[in-house]
Structure formats: C-alpha cells, structure tokens
Amino acid sequence: MSLRIVVCVKYVPDATGDRRFADDLTLDRDEVDGLLSELDEYAVEQALRIADAADEAEVTVVTVGPEDAKDALRKALSMGAHRAVHVEDDDLHGTDVIGTSLVLAKAVEKTGYDLVVCGMASTDGAMGVLPALLAERLGVAQVTLLSEISVEGTLVKGRRDGDSASEELEASLPAVVSVTDQSGEARYPSFKGIMAAKKKPVESLDLADLEIDADEVGLAGSWTAVDSATERPARTAGTIVKDEGEGGKQLAGFLAEQKFI
C-alpha cells in the first residue's frame, strides 16, 4: 500500500522586502514579493527522503493562500513532490493560525494521509504552534521539532535535539511531525524538475468544498487580532569615533553609556 505523505507549506513575504501593514492591519501582500517559506523547504525535503526510502509513496503539498500562493506549490513540485492542493477563498483573508489549522485539517482529511510533515514555524508569523493544532484537529499523535526523521513500518521515528540532551521519539501512523532547519539541506530544483512541475496536478479547493463556514475563518473568525501598528523609525546615522589614540576609551565609554558593559 502506498505511503501517503502530505506536506503543509506556506507562501510568505520575502523577508528582504519592505513589509508593511494594510489599512485593516493585515500584511500588505501586494507590496512585497512572496515565496515558499524557507523553513517549509526542509519539510518538503524530509518528505521526499521518506518517499525515496519507501517501496511506494506519494507526496502531496498543501497550502492555504491567495492566487500567488501557487508559486510556493510549484517550488515544492519542482523539488519532486507529486501533486498539490491549493485552498483559496476570499473569505480566508485575515485568518489566524487557529482558523488556518481548521482549513488545513479539512484539506488534509479530504486529500487522505498517513503522515503530515510541517516546518518548525512560518517565517512571517513565526508562531510554531500549527503542527500541534493540526494534530489535535486530526486526532492523531504529534512528534515535533525533529532534526532527524524516518518511517519504519507503521511507525514514524525521529530525534529531537535540545540544549542539554537529545530525545529519541516515535509514534504510530497516522501522525503529524514537524522538522527543524537542522534536518538536512533542501535540494535545489533541477531544470528537469522545474519543467516536470508544470505537468503535475494542482487541485483547487474553497471553503464550500471543505464544508467550512465563512464566519469560522477570516478576520471576523480570528481568535487573535492586531490592535495597532507603528512603523519602525528610519535608521539614523551612527556615531563615528576617530581613533587618535583615545578610540578604545571612547568606545568603552559608549558601550557603558548604552549599558552593554
């Protein structure tokens, strides 16, 4: 029987871009380029490695987001994933992590799965709680923050590295796991992979397909909200110290004044 692996990925704003809030205090995605979250690339990579080691496996990538989020799916498909699912609906605008976990859970259930793989966090929200929320909604075990992962029979096994010790963990399938940026460098899509990705199936779903009411998601259905936002002040010119024999003392005085020493 084929091992069904689902990878949850996110289309995020480029961290090097000039990110701003829109009038409704959600991220203004129209003013910055987006891409597949770097931390989710590790999840795709580990899913592909598990699939390569299995007798038979299929890797499906799932994302929730606007039309441009298909770019994140295409990147994952060009890396080697077999198919993709894109959940897009205007009523999803402003959905927080609670609502997103609901949508992903419904999409994963509809797709069918044995193992769900997530990154350790998104590079925009950086909450890191979605894998746990997803496992709760699916009613399956979670094994999170793994730096090493494998599937052996009906078990998923992995290693979680902490500051003072490493833990060896395992759970019965089906399960949800998340992997860290120490799990292994993600492969770079080849030209052949990029061309092949154009022919791979991408299924489009909306809230009606998932039987989710609009008031459960979006800004109105969010459990969290941004009350206010202040633009970061422009960077000012730093203090230049000309070293004419007293530079070290001036530097020490500056550090002491700023309470760095």
Protein backbone atom coordinates (compact mmCIF):
# COMPACT_ATOMS: atom_id res chain seq x y z
CA MET A 1 0.00 0.00 0.00
CA SER A 2 1.35 3.42 -0.95
CA LEU A 3 2.50 5.69 1.89
CA ARG A 4 0.54 8.94 1.69
CA ILE A 5 2.66 11.89 2.80
CA VAL A 6 1.18 15.38 3.00
CA VAL A 7 3.40 18.44 3.46
CA CYS A 8 1.85 21.69 4.68
CA VAL A 9 3.63 24.69 3.18
CA LYS A 10 3.14 28.43 3.31
CA TYR A 11 3.57 31.27 0.84
CA VAL A 12 5.26 34.06 2.78
CA PRO A 13 6.55 37.58 2.06
CA ASP A 14 10.21 37.84 1.17
CA ALA A 15 11.96 38.77 4.42
CA THR A 16 14.34 41.01 2.48
CA GLY A 17 11.45 43.08 1.11
CA ASP A 18 9.82 46.19 2.59
CA ARG A 19 6.91 44.67 4.51
CA ARG A 20 4.04 46.88 5.64
CA PHE A 21 0.57 46.59 7.15
CA ALA A 22 -2.55 47.28 5.10
CA ASP A 23 -5.38 49.50 6.37
CA ASP A 24 -7.04 46.54 8.12
CA LEU A 25 -3.74 45.78 9.92
CA THR A 26 -3.10 42.60 7.95
CA LEU A 27 0.09 42.22 5.98
CA ASP A 28 0.01 44.12 2.69
CA ARG A 29 0.99 41.25 0.41
CA ASP A 30 0.52 43.27 -2.77
CA GLU A 31 3.53 45.42 -1.96
CA VAL A 32 6.11 42.67 -1.46
CA ASP A 33 7.21 39.58 -3.37
CA GLY A 34 6.36 36.19 -1.91
CA LEU A 35 7.98 32.75 -1.89
CA LEU A 36 7.86 29.31 -0.32
CA SER A 37 8.78 29.66 3.36
CA GLU A 38 12.40 28.60 3.75
CA LEU A 39 11.58 26.53 6.83
CA ASP A 40 8.95 24.63 4.84
CA GLU A 41 11.60 23.65 2.28
CA TYR A 42 13.10 21.41 4.99
CA ALA A 43 9.70 19.74 5.42
CA VAL A 44 9.43 19.09 1.68
CA GLU A 45 12.96 17.70 1.64
CA GLN A 46 12.32 15.26 4.52
CA ALA A 47 9.05 14.13 2.95
CA LEU A 48 10.87 13.39 -0.31
CA ARG A 49 13.60 11.46 1.51
CA ILE A 50 10.99 9.34 3.29
CA ALA A 51 9.24 8.72 -0.04
CA ASP A 52 12.54 7.73 -1.69
CA ALA A 53 13.18 5.19 1.07
CA ALA A 54 9.68 3.68 0.85
CA ASP A 55 8.63 0.93 -1.53
CA GLU A 56 5.80 3.11 -2.76
CA ALA A 57 4.87 6.62 -1.66
CA GLU A 58 3.16 9.79 -2.84
CA VAL A 59 3.99 13.30 -1.62
CA THR A 60 1.23 15.93 -1.74
CA VAL A 61 1.87 19.57 -0.82
CA VAL A 62 -0.98 21.65 0.59
CA THR A 63 -1.17 25.40 1.04
CA VAL A 64 -3.77 27.97 2.06
CA GLY A 65 -3.47 31.39 0.48
CA PRO A 66 -4.20 33.75 -2.42
CA GLU A 67 -3.64 33.05 -6.11
CA ASP A 68 0.08 33.82 -5.86
CA ALA A 69 0.46 31.02 -3.29
CA LYS A 70 0.60 28.65 -6.26
CA ASP A 71 4.23 29.79 -6.61
CA ALA A 72 5.03 28.02 -3.32
CA LEU A 73 3.36 24.86 -4.61
CA ARG A 74 5.28 24.99 -7.89
CA LYS A 75 8.57 25.26 -5.99
CA ALA A 76 7.69 22.15 -3.95
CA LEU A 77 6.57 20.30 -7.09
CA SER A 78 9.80 21.20 -8.85
CA MET A 79 11.71 19.76 -5.88
CA GLY A 80 9.96 16.43 -6.50
CA ALA A 81 6.52 16.40 -4.84
CA HIS A 82 3.93 14.52 -6.88
CA ARG A 83 0.84 16.72 -6.63
CA ALA A 84 -0.52 19.79 -4.87
CA VAL A 85 -3.67 21.15 -3.26
CA HIS A 86 -4.38 24.89 -3.12
CA VAL A 87 -7.09 26.22 -0.81
CA GLU A 88 -8.14 29.69 -1.93
CA ASP A 89 -11.17 31.73 -0.89
CA ASP A 90 -11.72 35.48 -0.47
CA ASP A 91 -13.24 34.84 2.96
CA LEU A 92 -9.89 33.48 4.18
CA HIS A 93 -8.34 36.96 4.25
CA GLY A 94 -7.01 37.71 7.72
CA THR A 95 -7.33 34.15 9.04
CA ASP A 96 -5.14 33.49 12.09
CA VAL A 97 -3.34 30.25 13.00
CA ILE A 98 -6.46 28.79 14.68
CA GLY A 99 -8.53 29.18 11.54
CA THR A 100 -5.66 28.07 9.31
CA SER A 101 -5.32 24.84 11.29
CA LEU A 102 -9.02 24.16 10.70
CA VAL A 103 -8.71 24.70 6.95
CA LEU A 104 -5.57 22.59 6.70
CA ALA A 105 -7.12 19.78 8.75
CA LYS A 106 -10.13 19.64 6.43
CA ALA A 107 -7.88 19.74 3.35
CA VAL A 108 -5.60 17.02 4.70
CA GLU A 109 -8.57 14.79 5.54
CA LYS A 110 -10.01 15.30 2.08
CA THR A 111 -6.65 14.51 0.47
CA GLY A 112 -6.01 11.40 2.58
CA TYR A 113 -2.84 10.90 4.58
CA ASP A 114 -0.65 8.60 6.65
CA LEU A 115 1.95 11.21 7.61
CA VAL A 116 1.73 15.00 7.69
CA VAL A 117 5.04 16.91 7.65
CA CYS A 118 5.36 20.58 8.60
CA GLY A 119 8.18 23.06 9.04
CA MET A 120 9.07 24.21 12.56
CA ALA A 121 7.42 27.63 12.04
CA SER A 122 6.49 30.09 9.31
CA THR A 123 8.98 32.84 8.57
CA ASP A 124 6.29 35.53 8.73
CA GLY A 125 4.10 34.64 11.73
CA ALA A 126 6.80 32.55 13.46
CA MET A 127 4.29 31.08 15.95
CA GLY A 128 5.38 27.44 15.61
CA VAL A 129 2.10 26.04 17.00
CA LEU A 130 0.34 24.97 13.81
CA PRO A 131 1.62 21.34 13.81
CA ALA A 132 0.24 20.83 17.33
CA LEU A 133 -3.11 22.43 16.43
CA LEU A 134 -3.30 20.34 13.27
CA ALA A 135 -2.61 17.10 15.14
CA GLU A 136 -5.31 17.99 17.69
CA ARG A 137 -7.88 18.63 14.99
CA LEU A 138 -6.99 15.41 13.16
CA GLY A 139 -6.98 13.44 16.42
CA VAL A 140 -3.55 11.90 15.80
CA ALA A 141 -0.17 11.89 17.54
CA GLN A 142 2.32 14.71 17.07
CA VAL A 143 6.13 14.43 17.08
CA THR A 144 7.54 17.91 16.67
CA LEU A 145 10.84 19.75 16.20
CA LEU A 146 12.73 16.80 14.78
CA SER A 147 16.24 17.10 13.41
CA GLU A 148 16.16 13.52 12.13
CA ILE A 149 13.16 11.52 10.86
CA SER A 150 12.33 8.16 9.30
CA VAL A 151 9.36 5.86 8.77
CA GLU A 152 9.72 2.20 9.70
CA GLY A 153 6.64 0.11 9.01
CA THR A 154 3.72 1.72 10.84
CA LEU A 155 5.96 3.94 12.98
CA VAL A 156 7.46 7.38 12.42
CA LYS A 157 10.70 7.85 14.36
CA GLY A 158 12.84 10.88 14.97
CA ARG A 159 15.37 12.71 17.11
CA ARG A 160 14.68 15.99 18.88
CA ASP A 161 17.81 17.90 19.92
CA GLY A 162 17.64 20.14 22.99
CA ASP A 163 20.16 22.36 24.73
CA SER A 164 21.29 19.63 27.13
CA ALA A 165 20.07 16.36 25.63
CA SER A 166 18.62 14.63 22.58
CA GLU A 167 15.38 12.61 22.67
CA GLU A 168 14.53 9.60 20.51
CA LEU A 169 10.81 9.69 19.75
CA GLU A 170 8.32 7.59 17.83
CA ALA A 171 4.61 7.48 17.10
CA SER A 172 2.20 5.20 15.29
CA LEU A 173 0.88 6.32 11.93
CA PRO A 174 -1.13 8.34 11.11
CA ALA A 175 0.75 11.20 12.72
CA VAL A 176 1.83 14.82 12.34
CA VAL A 177 5.51 15.77 12.55
CA SER A 178 7.50 18.97 12.22
CA VAL A 179 11.16 19.23 11.28
CA THR A 180 13.77 21.86 12.10
CA ASP A 181 16.30 23.61 9.91
CA GLN A 182 18.89 21.12 11.18
CA SER A 183 17.17 18.16 9.50
CA GLY A 184 19.10 18.42 6.22
CA GLU A 185 19.60 20.94 3.44
CA ALA A 186 16.75 21.13 0.95
CA ARG A 187 17.55 20.07 -2.60
CA TYR A 188 17.73 22.65 -5.36
CA PRO A 189 15.17 22.12 -8.14
CA SER A 190 16.77 20.91 -11.36
CA PHE A 191 15.75 22.19 -14.79
CA LYS A 192 14.11 18.81 -15.42
CA GLY A 193 12.21 19.12 -12.15
CA ILE A 194 11.04 22.64 -12.98
CA MET A 195 9.72 21.53 -16.37
CA ALA A 196 8.07 18.40 -14.91
CA ALA A 197 6.31 20.51 -12.25
CA LYS A 198 4.29 22.26 -14.94
CA LYS A 199 2.52 18.99 -15.76
CA LYS A 200 1.83 17.86 -12.20
CA PRO A 201 -1.77 18.18 -10.92
CA VAL A 202 -2.77 21.10 -8.69
CA GLU A 203 -6.22 20.73 -7.15
CA SER A 204 -8.08 23.92 -6.18
CA LEU A 205 -10.46 23.95 -3.20
CA ASP A 206 -12.53 26.62 -1.47
CA LEU A 207 -14.40 26.82 1.83
CA ALA A 208 -17.51 25.24 0.34
CA ASP A 209 -15.51 22.23 -0.83
CA LEU A 210 -14.23 21.79 2.73
CA GLU A 211 -17.64 22.44 4.32
CA ILE A 212 -16.32 25.35 6.40
CA ASP A 213 -18.49 28.36 7.22
CA ALA A 214 -17.01 31.76 6.39
CA ASP A 215 -17.55 33.02 9.96
CA GLU A 216 -15.12 30.37 11.25
CA VAL A 217 -12.21 31.97 9.41
CA GLY A 218 -11.08 35.38 8.18
CA LEU A 219 -10.68 38.45 10.34
CA ALA A 220 -14.11 38.03 11.90
CA GLY A 221 -13.40 34.45 12.94
CA SER A 222 -9.87 35.01 14.22
CA TRP A 223 -9.05 34.42 17.87
CA THR A 224 -6.20 36.93 17.65
CA ALA A 225 -6.08 40.45 16.26
CA VAL A 226 -3.61 43.28 15.74
CA ASP A 227 -4.91 46.33 17.64
CA SER A 228 -2.33 48.81 16.37
CA ALA A 229 0.94 49.03 14.49
CA THR A 230 3.62 51.70 14.38
CA GLU A 231 6.07 51.95 11.55
CA ARG A 232 9.65 51.41 12.63
CA PRO A 233 11.57 54.71 12.66
CA ALA A 234 14.13 55.28 9.96
CA ARG A 235 17.64 54.24 10.83
CA THR A 236 19.77 57.19 11.98
CA ALA A 237 23.42 57.74 11.33
CA GLY A 238 25.70 56.06 13.85
CA THR A 239 28.37 57.68 15.97
CA ILE A 240 31.77 57.84 14.28
CA VAL A 241 34.79 57.66 16.55
CA LYS A 242 38.06 58.87 15.09
CA ASP A 243 40.88 56.96 16.73
CA GLU A 244 43.60 59.42 17.59
CA GLY A 245 44.91 57.38 20.48
CA GLU A 246 41.75 57.53 22.62
CA GLY A 247 39.44 55.43 20.42
CA GLY A 248 39.39 52.49 22.80
CA LYS A 249 38.36 54.65 25.74
CA GLN A 250 35.64 56.37 23.71
CA LEU A 251 34.29 53.00 22.57
CA ALA A 252 34.27 51.66 26.13
CA GLY A 253 32.52 54.81 27.32
CA PHE A 254 29.85 54.47 24.62
CA LEU A 255 29.22 50.79 25.49
CA ALA A 256 28.98 51.65 29.18
CA GLU A 257 26.54 54.51 28.45
CA GLN A 258 24.33 52.10 26.50
CA LYS A 259 24.64 49.57 29.35
CA PHE A 260 26.20 46.94 27.10
CA ILE A 261 29.03 46.55 29.60
